């Protein structure tokens, strides 16, 4: 199934060329992995998104929360929760993306040095 929202080649370009995701493979934490592992994982994520998430969320996207509330359709608590979650993400998480990307670009690697047994 083709991605209706994003072109796979565009996503690959962003991951490989813009974000330099393959650089993760040079970190000690990922030393046992190769490009094949990386590709297989991304392919699995894409398949899960297309075959499971997209069909499950499509009905919700076809009736956005504000429209659903105004029309009196669907459970009100669900719509209010969806709106609150979106507002939270936009106000608190999204602004952090640029700062986190800058840290990665500067070589901050604490995330790569962590070991599962530490937790």
Foldseek 3Di string as FASTA:
>chain_A
DADPPDHPVVVVCCCCPVLNVQVLCVFPLNVVDHVVVVVVVVVVVVCCCVVPVCVVCVVCVVQQLVNCVVVVHDDNVVSVVVVVVVVCCVPPPVVCPVVVSVCVVVPPCPVRPDDPVVD
